[in-house]
N, C-alpha and C. Protein backbone atom coordinates (compact mmCIF):
# COMPACT_ATOMS: atom_id res chain seq x y z
N MET A 1 111.90 77.96 184.96
CA MET A 1 113.12 77.12 185.05
C MET A 1 114.09 77.94 185.73
N THR A 2 115.00 77.42 186.70
CA THR A 2 116.06 78.02 187.19
C THR A 2 117.19 77.07 186.78
N LEU A 3 118.38 77.78 187.10
CA LEU A 3 119.83 77.03 186.57
C LEU A 3 120.49 76.83 187.90
N CYS A 4 121.22 75.66 187.99
CA CYS A 4 122.05 75.06 188.85
C CYS A 4 121.61 74.91 190.30
N LEU A 5 121.14 75.89 190.96
CA LEU A 5 120.68 75.74 192.28
C LEU A 5 119.26 76.47 192.49
N PRO A 6 118.40 75.78 193.25
CA PRO A 6 116.96 76.63 193.44
C PRO A 6 117.28 77.93 194.02
N LYS A 7 116.67 78.86 193.29
CA LYS A 7 116.45 80.44 194.06
C LYS A 7 115.73 80.50 195.20
N VAL A 8 115.90 81.07 196.37
CA VAL A 8 114.88 81.15 197.42
C VAL A 8 113.75 82.12 196.93
N GLY A 9 114.00 83.27 196.20
CA GLY A 9 112.98 84.05 195.89
C GLY A 9 111.67 83.53 194.93
N LEU A 10 112.19 82.40 194.45
CA LEU A 10 111.03 81.64 193.51
C LEU A 10 110.05 80.78 194.41
N ARG A 11 110.47 80.48 195.74
CA ARG A 11 109.77 79.65 196.49
C ARG A 11 108.46 80.20 197.00
N GLY A 12 107.42 79.70 196.68
CA GLY A 12 106.04 80.14 197.14
C GLY A 12 105.48 81.33 196.36
N SER A 13 106.00 81.72 195.33
CA SER A 13 105.70 82.87 194.64
C SER A 13 104.40 82.76 193.95
N PRO A 14 103.36 83.60 193.96
CA PRO A 14 102.09 83.35 193.27
C PRO A 14 102.19 83.48 191.81
N HIS A 15 103.34 83.84 191.44
CA HIS A 15 103.62 83.99 189.87
C HIS A 15 104.53 83.22 189.36
N ILE A 16 104.68 81.94 190.23
CA ILE A 16 105.51 80.68 189.67
C ILE A 16 104.42 79.43 189.43
N GLY A 17 104.63 78.88 188.35
CA GLY A 17 103.75 77.52 187.87
C GLY A 17 104.70 76.55 188.55
N ASP A 18 104.75 75.54 187.45
CA ASP A 18 105.67 74.45 187.44
C ASP A 18 107.10 74.98 187.55
N LEU A 19 107.81 74.51 188.34
CA LEU A 19 109.14 75.17 188.71
C LEU A 19 110.09 73.88 188.48
N TYR A 20 111.08 74.21 187.54
CA TYR A 20 112.10 73.19 187.22
C TYR A 20 113.54 73.70 187.55
N LEU A 21 114.53 72.84 187.77
CA LEU A 21 115.83 72.93 187.98
C LEU A 21 116.78 72.41 186.97
N ALA A 22 117.52 73.32 186.12
CA ALA A 22 118.34 72.66 185.06
C ALA A 22 119.73 72.51 185.52
N ASP A 23 120.39 71.57 184.95
CA ASP A 23 121.96 71.26 185.06
C ASP A 23 122.53 71.98 184.14
N ILE A 24 123.51 72.90 184.66
CA ILE A 24 124.35 73.47 183.59
C ILE A 24 125.74 73.30 183.72
N SER A 25 126.10 72.10 184.13
CA SER A 25 127.42 71.35 184.37
C SER A 25 128.53 72.18 185.30
N VAL A 26 127.79 72.88 186.24
CA VAL A 26 128.75 73.40 187.35
C VAL A 26 129.07 72.13 188.22
N PRO A 27 130.33 72.07 188.26
CA PRO A 27 130.83 70.95 189.14
C PRO A 27 130.22 70.74 190.66
N ALA A 28 129.83 69.81 191.21
CA ALA A 28 129.23 69.69 192.45
C ALA A 28 130.12 70.40 193.61
N SER A 29 131.34 70.12 193.40
CA SER A 29 132.36 70.69 194.42
C SER A 29 132.30 72.18 194.28
N VAL A 30 132.09 72.83 193.34
CA VAL A 30 131.96 74.37 193.26
C VAL A 30 130.70 74.78 193.62
N THR A 31 129.57 74.09 193.34
CA THR A 31 128.26 74.55 193.90
C THR A 31 128.25 74.37 195.44
N GLU A 32 128.75 73.49 195.96
CA GLU A 32 128.61 73.20 197.23
C GLU A 32 129.64 74.30 198.05
N GLU A 33 130.72 74.52 197.44
CA GLU A 33 131.68 75.77 198.03
C GLU A 33 130.91 77.06 198.12
N ILE A 34 130.43 77.48 196.87
CA ILE A 34 129.79 78.73 196.72
C ILE A 34 128.66 78.76 197.60
N SER A 35 127.66 77.78 197.70
CA SER A 35 126.42 77.91 198.27
C SER A 35 126.27 77.33 199.78
N GLY A 36 127.12 76.41 200.12
CA GLY A 36 127.25 75.73 201.24
C GLY A 36 126.30 74.76 201.41
N VAL A 37 125.64 74.22 200.44
CA VAL A 37 124.76 73.35 200.46
C VAL A 37 125.12 72.21 199.44
N THR A 38 124.64 71.03 199.75
CA THR A 38 124.89 69.78 198.70
C THR A 38 124.22 70.17 197.48
N ALA A 39 125.00 69.67 196.52
CA ALA A 39 124.60 70.04 195.21
C ALA A 39 123.33 69.13 194.81
N PRO A 40 122.50 69.71 193.76
CA PRO A 40 121.25 68.89 193.53
C PRO A 40 121.64 67.59 192.91
N PRO A 41 120.84 66.73 193.10
CA PRO A 41 120.91 65.20 192.50
C PRO A 41 120.77 65.09 191.04
N PHE A 42 121.65 65.67 190.21
CA PHE A 42 121.37 65.78 188.81
C PHE A 42 121.61 64.50 188.16
N GLY A 43 122.13 63.40 188.93
CA GLY A 43 122.32 61.92 188.43
C GLY A 43 120.97 61.34 188.06
N LEU A 44 119.85 62.04 188.75
CA LEU A 44 118.39 61.65 188.31
C LEU A 44 117.79 62.29 187.01
N GLY A 45 118.63 63.16 186.45
CA GLY A 45 118.16 63.77 185.27
C GLY A 45 118.78 65.10 185.13
N ARG A 46 119.02 65.64 183.75
CA ARG A 46 119.41 67.04 183.71
C ARG A 46 118.55 68.27 183.93
N VAL A 47 117.37 67.84 184.05
CA VAL A 47 116.18 68.92 184.47
C VAL A 47 115.15 68.19 185.57
N LEU A 48 115.12 68.84 186.58
CA LEU A 48 114.42 68.14 187.59
C LEU A 48 113.32 69.17 188.25
N LYS A 49 112.07 68.55 188.19
CA LYS A 49 110.84 69.04 188.64
C LYS A 49 110.86 69.61 190.08
N LEU A 50 110.86 70.55 190.46
CA LEU A 50 110.82 71.18 191.93
C LEU A 50 109.39 71.27 192.61
N ALA A 51 108.54 71.96 191.59
CA ALA A 51 107.07 72.27 192.21
C ALA A 51 106.20 72.30 191.07
């Protein structure tokens, strides 16, 4: 499980099984300002399965 935003280093790692992204209530505007990407769609649920 990773928090707030997907971490690039976890993508494609042979050590990672199912990967989930959890909402920790960081406002979307803050997430977008810090990362430069659109905030994850947590309207679909507080925990999202990524892989």
